[in-house]
Protein backbone atom coordinates (compact mmCIF):
# COMPACT_ATOMS: atom_id res chain seq x y z
CA MET A 1 51.82 -52.32 41.82
CA GLU A 2 51.91 -51.65 45.68
CA SER A 3 54.05 -48.54 45.14
CA PHE A 4 51.92 -47.32 42.46
CA THR A 5 48.77 -47.55 44.64
CA GLY A 6 50.53 -45.85 47.29
CA ILE A 7 51.44 -43.06 44.67
CA THR A 8 47.87 -42.77 43.81
CA ALA A 9 46.47 -42.86 47.16
CA PHE A 10 49.06 -40.03 48.36
CA VAL A 11 48.05 -37.73 45.31
CA HIS A 12 44.27 -37.77 46.06
CA ALA A 13 45.20 -37.17 49.71
CA ALA A 14 47.39 -34.43 48.80
CA GLU A 15 44.74 -32.74 46.57
CA GLN A 16 41.91 -33.48 48.95
CA GLN A 17 43.70 -32.89 52.05
CA SER A 18 41.57 -35.67 53.46
CA TYR A 19 41.71 -39.45 53.51
CA VAL A 20 37.76 -39.53 53.55
CA ALA A 21 37.80 -37.31 50.70
CA ALA A 22 40.22 -39.48 48.53
CA ALA A 23 38.38 -42.24 49.39
CA ARG A 24 35.18 -40.78 47.71
CA ILE A 25 37.48 -40.73 44.53
CA THR A 26 39.16 -43.60 44.42
CA GLY A 27 35.98 -45.54 45.56
CA GLY A 28 38.09 -47.19 48.43
CA SER A 29 37.64 -46.66 52.15
CA PRO A 30 39.57 -43.81 54.16
CA SER A 31 41.42 -46.72 56.03
CA ALA A 32 42.77 -48.29 52.84
CA ILE A 33 44.12 -44.50 51.89
CA GLY A 34 46.04 -44.19 55.08
CA LYS A 35 47.50 -47.56 55.08
CA ALA A 36 48.84 -46.92 51.90
CA VAL A 37 50.33 -43.70 52.47
CA ALA A 38 51.68 -44.99 55.73
CA ARG A 39 53.33 -47.69 53.90
CA LEU A 40 54.73 -45.36 51.19
CA GLU A 41 56.28 -42.91 53.95
CA ALA A 42 57.78 -46.09 55.71
CA ARG A 43 59.45 -47.06 52.49
CA LEU A 44 60.51 -43.36 51.29
CA GLY A 45 61.75 -42.99 55.01
CA VAL A 46 60.18 -39.24 55.45
CA ARG A 47 56.92 -37.74 56.41
CA LEU A 48 54.78 -36.56 53.53
CA PHE A 49 52.20 -35.09 55.67
CA ASN A 50 51.59 -32.84 58.94
CA ARG A 51 48.96 -34.30 60.55
CA THR A 52 46.85 -33.07 63.27
CA THR A 53 43.49 -34.22 64.54
CA ARG A 54 41.63 -31.59 62.34
CA THR A 55 43.84 -30.81 59.31
CA MET A 56 46.53 -32.41 57.11
CA SER A 57 49.14 -30.44 55.12
CA LEU A 58 52.22 -31.67 52.97
CA THR A 59 55.49 -31.56 54.41
CA GLU A 60 58.28 -29.94 52.29
CA GLU A 61 59.16 -33.46 51.33
CA GLY A 62 55.54 -34.26 50.57
CA GLU A 63 55.28 -31.07 48.43
CA VAL A 64 58.44 -31.81 46.07
CA PHE A 65 57.31 -35.73 46.10
CA TYR A 66 53.52 -34.56 44.88
CA GLU A 67 54.55 -32.50 41.99
CA ARG A 68 56.56 -35.40 40.52
CA CYS A 69 53.90 -37.87 41.41
CA LYS A 70 51.19 -35.74 39.65
CA ARG A 71 53.11 -35.37 36.80
CA ILE A 72 53.75 -39.13 36.60
CA LEU A 73 50.20 -40.09 36.76
CA ASP A 74 49.20 -37.38 34.16
CA ASP A 75 51.68 -39.13 31.74
CA LEU A 76 50.22 -42.53 32.37
CA GLY A 77 46.81 -41.41 31.89
CA ASP A 78 47.89 -39.74 28.49
CA ALA A 79 49.42 -43.11 27.79
CA GLU A 80 46.43 -45.11 28.42
CA ALA A 81 44.14 -42.83 26.25
CA THR A 82 46.76 -43.15 23.51
CA VAL A 83 46.49 -47.19 23.74
CA LEU A 84 42.63 -46.74 23.96
CA ARG A 85 42.10 -44.50 21.06
CA SER A 86 44.50 -46.80 19.02
CA CYS A 87 41.76 -49.64 19.78
CA GLU A 88 39.04 -47.28 19.06
CA GLN A 89 36.97 -48.35 21.75
CA PRO A 90 36.73 -45.59 24.63
CA ALA A 91 36.43 -47.52 27.79
CA GLY A 92 36.86 -46.66 31.62
CA ARG A 93 35.06 -44.81 34.28
CA LEU A 94 34.04 -41.34 33.34
CA ARG A 95 32.76 -38.95 36.02
CA VAL A 96 30.38 -36.41 34.75
CA SER A 97 28.81 -33.43 36.75
CA LEU A 98 25.76 -31.93 35.49
CA PRO A 99 23.47 -29.35 37.12
CA HIS A 100 19.94 -30.97 37.96
CA ILE A 101 18.06 -29.29 35.34
CA VAL A 102 20.35 -30.34 32.50
CA GLY A 103 21.16 -33.43 33.73
CA HIS A 104 17.05 -34.51 34.00
CA HIS A 105 15.97 -32.78 31.02
CA LEU A 106 18.96 -32.78 28.26
CA PHE A 107 21.34 -35.47 29.46
CA MET A 108 18.80 -38.44 30.97
CA PRO A 109 17.11 -38.72 27.76
CA LEU A 110 20.26 -39.21 25.82
CA LEU A 111 21.37 -42.18 28.10
CA PRO A 112 20.04 -45.12 26.65
CA ALA A 113 21.71 -44.22 23.19
CA PHE A 114 24.94 -43.36 24.97
CA THR A 115 25.11 -46.45 26.80
CA GLU A 116 24.38 -48.40 23.80
CA ALA A 117 27.12 -46.68 21.52
CA PHE A 118 29.72 -47.07 24.56
CA PRO A 119 29.26 -50.26 26.42
CA ARG A 120 32.68 -50.03 28.20
CA ILE A 121 32.47 -46.58 29.43
CA GLU A 122 31.37 -46.80 33.07
CA LEU A 123 29.35 -43.80 33.78
CA ASP A 124 29.40 -42.01 37.21
CA VAL A 125 27.13 -38.92 37.13
CA ASP A 126 26.80 -36.49 39.85
CA PHE A 127 23.90 -33.99 39.54
CA GLU A 128 25.25 -30.82 41.27
CA ASP A 129 24.15 -27.30 40.84
CA LYS A 130 27.42 -25.89 42.61
CA VAL A 131 30.54 -25.09 40.80
CA VAL A 132 32.72 -28.17 41.24
CA ASP A 133 36.77 -28.28 41.18
CA LEU A 134 37.06 -30.69 38.15
CA VAL A 135 40.77 -31.36 39.08
CA ALA A 136 40.55 -31.69 42.80
CA GLU A 137 37.30 -33.70 42.87
CA GLY A 138 38.56 -36.02 39.82
CA ILE A 139 35.84 -34.96 37.54
CA ASP A 140 36.35 -35.54 33.93
CA VAL A 141 33.66 -33.60 32.39
CA VAL A 142 31.08 -31.04 33.55
CA VAL A 143 28.46 -28.74 31.95
CA ARG A 144 28.63 -25.14 33.04
CA SER A 145 26.73 -21.97 32.21
CA GLY A 146 28.33 -18.43 31.27
CA GLU A 147 31.78 -17.31 30.90
CA LEU A 148 34.91 -19.87 31.47
CA ALA A 149 37.49 -18.18 33.92
CA ASP A 150 39.71 -21.09 34.62
CA THR A 151 42.19 -21.20 31.74
CA GLY A 152 43.48 -24.71 32.75
CA LEU A 153 40.20 -25.94 31.38
CA ILE A 154 38.84 -26.34 28.05
CA ALA A 155 35.21 -25.75 26.85
CA HIS A 156 32.96 -26.81 23.87
CA PHE A 157 30.11 -24.06 23.58
CA LEU A 158 26.62 -26.15 23.26
CA GLY A 159 24.22 -23.22 22.81
CA GLN A 160 22.60 -20.36 24.61
CA GLN A 161 19.78 -21.03 27.22
CA HIS A 162 16.21 -19.62 26.44
CA PHE A 163 13.61 -19.02 28.85
CA VAL A 164 9.81 -18.90 28.48
CA VAL A 165 6.92 -17.32 30.66
CA CYS A 166 4.15 -19.95 30.45
CA ALA A 167 1.02 -20.86 32.32
CA SER A 168 -1.82 -23.31 31.87
CA PRO A 169 -4.77 -22.68 29.59
CA ASP A 170 -6.97 -22.77 32.74
CA TYR A 171 -5.09 -20.03 34.63
CA LEU A 172 -4.89 -17.63 31.75
CA ALA A 173 -8.63 -18.22 31.02
CA ARG A 174 -9.19 -16.93 34.78
CA ARG A 175 -6.68 -14.03 34.58
CA ASP A 176 -6.24 -10.89 32.10
CA LEU A 177 -3.50 -11.98 29.59
CA PRO A 178 -0.27 -10.03 30.38
CA THR A 179 0.92 -7.84 27.42
CA THR A 180 3.78 -6.49 28.81
CA PRO A 181 6.33 -7.70 31.61
CA ALA A 182 5.03 -4.83 33.69
CA GLU A 183 1.36 -6.31 34.02
CA LEU A 184 3.03 -9.22 35.92
CA SER A 185 2.52 -7.64 39.16
CA GLY A 186 -1.06 -8.52 39.37
CA HIS A 187 -0.35 -12.05 38.44
CA THR A 188 0.67 -15.11 40.50
CA CYS A 189 4.44 -15.58 39.84
CA ILE A 190 6.55 -18.96 40.31
CA HIS A 191 10.29 -18.59 40.94
CA PHE A 192 13.25 -20.97 40.85
CA LYS A 193 15.73 -20.21 44.05
CA TYR A 194 19.27 -21.63 43.95
CA PRO A 195 19.73 -24.45 46.22
CA SER A 196 23.44 -23.40 46.93
CA SER A 197 22.76 -19.55 47.70
CA GLY A 198 19.18 -19.20 48.12
CA ARG A 199 19.00 -16.38 45.49
CA ILE A 200 16.13 -16.19 43.52
CA ALA A 201 16.80 -16.40 39.63
CA PRO A 202 15.87 -13.42 37.69
CA TRP A 203 13.24 -13.59 34.82
CA ALA A 204 15.10 -13.17 31.14
CA PHE A 205 13.40 -10.11 29.76
CA GLN A 206 14.97 -7.28 27.73
CA LYS A 207 15.45 -3.81 28.84
CA PRO A 208 13.95 -1.97 30.37
CA TYR A 209 11.87 -5.04 32.15
CA GLU A 210 15.38 -7.12 33.35
CA ARG A 211 15.18 -5.68 36.78
CA LEU A 212 11.37 -5.98 37.58
CA LEU A 213 10.12 -6.66 41.22
CA LEU A 214 7.82 -9.52 40.49
CA PRO A 215 5.36 -11.02 43.07
CA LYS A 216 6.86 -14.08 44.97
CA SER A 217 3.88 -16.06 45.10
CA LEU A 218 5.39 -19.37 45.02
CA VAL A 219 9.38 -19.99 45.30
CA PHE A 220 10.93 -23.41 44.82
CA ASN A 221 14.61 -24.45 44.80
CA ASN A 222 13.47 -27.28 42.17
CA THR A 223 12.76 -26.61 38.63
CA ASP A 224 10.51 -29.55 38.07
CA ALA A 225 8.20 -28.28 41.07
CA GLY A 226 7.78 -24.90 39.25
CA LEU A 227 6.76 -26.88 36.06
CA ARG A 228 4.11 -28.64 38.04
CA ALA A 229 2.81 -25.86 39.66
CA ALA A 230 2.49 -24.23 36.24
CA LYS A 231 0.84 -27.10 34.65
CA ASP A 232 -1.73 -27.28 37.86
CA GLY A 233 -2.76 -24.11 36.96
CA LEU A 234 -1.18 -22.03 40.02
CA GLY A 235 0.62 -19.44 38.24
CA LEU A 236 3.00 -18.06 35.70
CA SER A 237 6.41 -20.06 35.53
CA HIS A 238 9.67 -18.87 34.16
CA LEU A 239 11.16 -22.11 32.64
CA PRO A 240 13.97 -23.32 30.46
CA VAL A 241 12.67 -23.76 27.02
CA TYR A 242 14.16 -27.27 26.74
CA VAL A 243 11.90 -27.93 30.17
CA ALA A 244 8.67 -26.51 28.91
CA GLY A 245 9.15 -27.40 25.28
CA PRO A 246 6.94 -30.59 25.42
CA TYR A 247 4.18 -29.04 27.37
CA LEU A 248 3.90 -25.97 25.07
CA ARG A 249 3.96 -28.68 21.85
CA GLU A 250 1.14 -30.54 23.78
CA GLY A 251 -0.75 -27.38 24.76
CA THR A 252 -0.84 -28.15 28.79
CA LEU A 253 1.16 -25.04 28.82
CA LYS A 254 0.66 -21.75 26.92
CA PRO A 255 3.57 -19.04 26.46
CA VAL A 256 3.27 -15.34 26.90
CA LEU A 257 5.49 -12.32 26.44
CA THR A 258 7.71 -14.03 24.02
CA SER A 259 8.71 -11.01 22.42
CA PHE A 260 10.21 -9.59 25.61
CA MET A 261 12.52 -12.53 26.19
CA ARG A 262 16.28 -12.54 25.97
CA PRO A 263 19.16 -15.28 25.94
CA PHE A 264 19.87 -16.15 29.54
CA GLY A 265 23.38 -17.64 29.64
CA SER A 266 25.10 -20.27 27.51
CA LEU A 267 25.82 -23.91 28.28
CA SER A 268 29.24 -25.40 27.42
CA LEU A 269 31.05 -28.83 28.15
CA VAL A 270 33.99 -28.21 30.24
CA TRP A 271 37.08 -30.59 30.96
CA PRO A 272 40.54 -30.32 32.27
CA SER A 273 43.01 -29.75 29.54
CA ASN A 274 45.52 -32.41 30.48
CA ARG A 275 42.38 -34.71 29.66
CA GLN A 276 41.67 -33.30 26.32
CA LEU A 277 43.04 -36.55 24.49
CA SER A 278 41.29 -39.02 26.61
CA PRO A 279 38.91 -41.16 24.09
CA LYS A 280 36.22 -41.38 26.79
CA VAL A 281 35.81 -37.60 27.45
CA ARG A 282 36.08 -37.02 23.48
CA ALA A 283 33.39 -39.81 23.13
CA PHE A 284 31.10 -38.04 25.61
CA VAL A 285 31.76 -34.51 24.19
CA ASP A 286 31.01 -35.49 20.82
CA PHE A 287 28.04 -37.54 21.36
CA MET A 288 26.29 -34.91 23.76
CA VAL A 289 27.29 -32.12 20.75
CA GLU A 290 25.66 -34.11 17.98
CA ASN A 291 22.58 -35.31 19.98
CA LEU A 292 21.90 -31.86 21.49
CA VAL A 293 22.05 -30.18 18.30
CA SER A 294 19.57 -32.55 16.80
CA ARG A 295 17.17 -31.53 19.46
CA ALA A 296 15.04 -28.95 18.17
CA ASN A 297 14.04 -27.11 21.23
CA ALA A 298 17.07 -27.35 23.17
CA PHE A 299 18.41 -23.97 22.39
CA GLN A 300 15.29 -22.72 20.70
CA SER A 301 13.96 -19.18 21.51
CA ALA A 302 10.59 -18.68 23.54
CA GLU A 303 9.31 -16.83 20.42
CA ALA A 304 9.31 -20.10 18.16
CA TRP A 305 6.53 -21.33 20.63
CA GLN A 306 4.20 -18.18 20.29
CA ALA A 307 1.15 -18.99 18.29
């Protein structure tokens, strides 16, 4: 058991090039990771890492040992998955990474039903807007938008994202209703800014309006802040349909320019190819697909909300 602990600590440290980062994945401490690696080196009689005060890298012996250990741990994971599948009771720690907006508005409403259906799965959920390295950070499954470039990953398409431009009835009563996107130049526009890059997200208009220079009256790096500003009558906001939907339904927000909108990227569930047989990953993917499809407004176009 001590040998297995040392191997696990060594593999995580090699992938992260940091005891601190490895400890975050294992749930232990950097000191425990360092001691486990040191005992492993003593038992093998070789140095596995070149260490300085600022960096660490694998030695030649460490590179060879890492490749073998990584395959062994992957095989053990597959073996565990097979046994768990035979019991038909998915269990264990499941690390999930979701963009903030997807996590708050699509995942969280489903969480009570998921935990009731799979009580033995221990969910560890990160809300993170940047693209994470699943393998290096020990993530089991993520939600990503756009095309999948990494061939070492498997993706399950959820649907196209649709956006809607909307405002409160009070705001629209005070201003001339825009009939084309070009008329937004005379309106108060509420924008979303990507937290990771600071770039302002474009509005999902069809040609020839896809590159309009809109007034940057209010800019937030949080979608819920933009939603609140629109509900408070501060301007027109560009929101995902699944965020604005409940308020469009109750009438506290009104859609405009719906015939000019186009799909704005897809959403997919993504996981490493070596975990495709894991019962806990399969349970999560199947549950999310089944329950998101049943949500009528999750991937609905803006035109469906136009009176």
